[in-house]
Amino acid sequence: EFALTGEAGAGGLIKRVVTAYGDDSVQQLTGLHLVVENASIVLTKLLEWGRIAAYLEQSTRYIYFDQKGQDGRYRYRLPDFPAEVKKRYVKDMDRLFELYSEVVRGLTTHVRQKFPEPTDAKERQAWIGATRAQACDAARPMLPAATTATVGIYMSAQAVESLIIHLLSEELPEARTTGQAILTEARKVIPAFLERADLPTRGGAMTAFRAATRQKLAELAVSKLRSPEEGTYPEVQLLEYWPQNETDLVLEIFFQSSSLSLDEIKEQVKKWSVKEKEDALRLYTGERFNRRHKPGRAFEKAHFEWEITADYGTFRDLQRHRMLDSFEWQAIGPSYGYEVPEIVKEAGFEEQFREAFAISEKLYSYLQEKGETTQAQYGVLLGYRMRYRFIANVRELFHFLELRTSPQGHPGYRRICNQMYDRLKEVYPVIAGTMRFVNQDEDPELTRMAAELATQYKLEKLDREG
């Protein structure tokens, strides 16, 4: 039909198909690149909410965030506060970035004194990267959630429409203005695919529905649920998992390779010994030579529900995984405290570190008192703990745990994922035993240096081949 219509009439045809008939599959065939600049860290998590998209964000792990922009300000979001509130906000933010700069630069010097500079050129390049990353990792908790970064996104027209509706329904003003800006820019390129995005009866109705539902649920939570108890919470909790026995997955793994129904397979498999079932599980995972060799989809039957109470910075890293269910998080704040990295104490910067968190807590409380409940999150440092939860199938846990315990990983999420692996081993010992590439033993700093060296050798090989 498109060929018969010709180029001149194609736009009208797309408009009829998408707008009149709601044929979403047509939207999936068009892709779009977006760049969102100066997005606060709070906003980046809302931008990266959709599953069917690809995201690339400036990393707080490898870049110093203490450079000022052309306007002479540090890189943080400045909301449209009243003059009095804005004055206090700017003063505190500037001080937070001054402290961050002092600590991250000082830590870089400390780490490089601790690990002397190599004479070999390749090793020196790896040393520069590894020591900078270690310093940035340790200082990252001092960055406020107002810190801005650039986010690159590639998504289908359908995903763009979904993102716009999602942002426009959010309580955060920055999210709503960004949603409108994305709609304006995207319409310059794919107008026919975004006709419905703000129609009162379509996207507008969906936006209102989401916002109203969220508001009513928040009001119900306040009226019916008591405040959290004071005290500490475990960093990692395995709340629930199913099926309860890992050998129950055996019938799933034979479905594709047989001509029997699941009930028929179950009747036969239940007569097997435990060893026969465990051997079948090991055979299904195969002889894995690297972490990219994953088992088949039969393992997607098993699900694990996790609740994590850990720092906001590591949450941001783990939230990027797309193949997780029910990934939800609570608003950030200073309630659950923070911890001072050992290297910060060792280098003599504990006083500056604690000063930053004291400023953050007071700024958060001040913004709350001024009625800026949602935007008070901007004042929260990445080192404050927060709570989130998700459900992961066991096939995805192969990818999740083996990737996030790798040598170049951040110590914070390496620790979380190693705890998750320990819980998994307790209930699914056979399957956990086939996760050969979960890294639990090595010194993270030595392995980080090894990873940087491996990168340098790869780059050198590319240069030779080029």
Foldseek 3Di string as FASTA:
>chain_A
DCVVCDPVCNLVVLLCCCVVVVPCVVLQVAKDKDKDFLDFLVVVLLLLVDQFKDKDWDDLQQDQQLDADPVRAGRFDQDPDPPVLSVLVRVLQRLLSVLLVVQLVLQLVVQCVVPPADPDPLLNQLVNRLSSSVSSLQSQLSAFSRGIIMMMMMHGLSVLLVSLLSQCLDPDPVSNVVSVVSLVVVCVPRVSSCPQSCDCVHSVVSSVVSNVVVVVVVVCCVVPPDDDDDDADDQKDFDDKPDQAPLVLQLLLCPVVDPDDSVVSVVVCVPDDPVVSLVSLLVQQPDDPDLVSFGDPSLQVMKIKMKGWFFQSVVSVLSSDSQWAPKDWDQDAQRNHFDNDPSCVVSPSVVSSVVSQVSLNVSLVVCVVVVNPRVSSRSRGRRHITMIMIMHGVRVLSVSQLVQLQLLHRPRSVVVSVVVLVVCCVRHVSSSVSSVRRDDDDDSSVRSSVVSSVVSVVVVVVVVVD
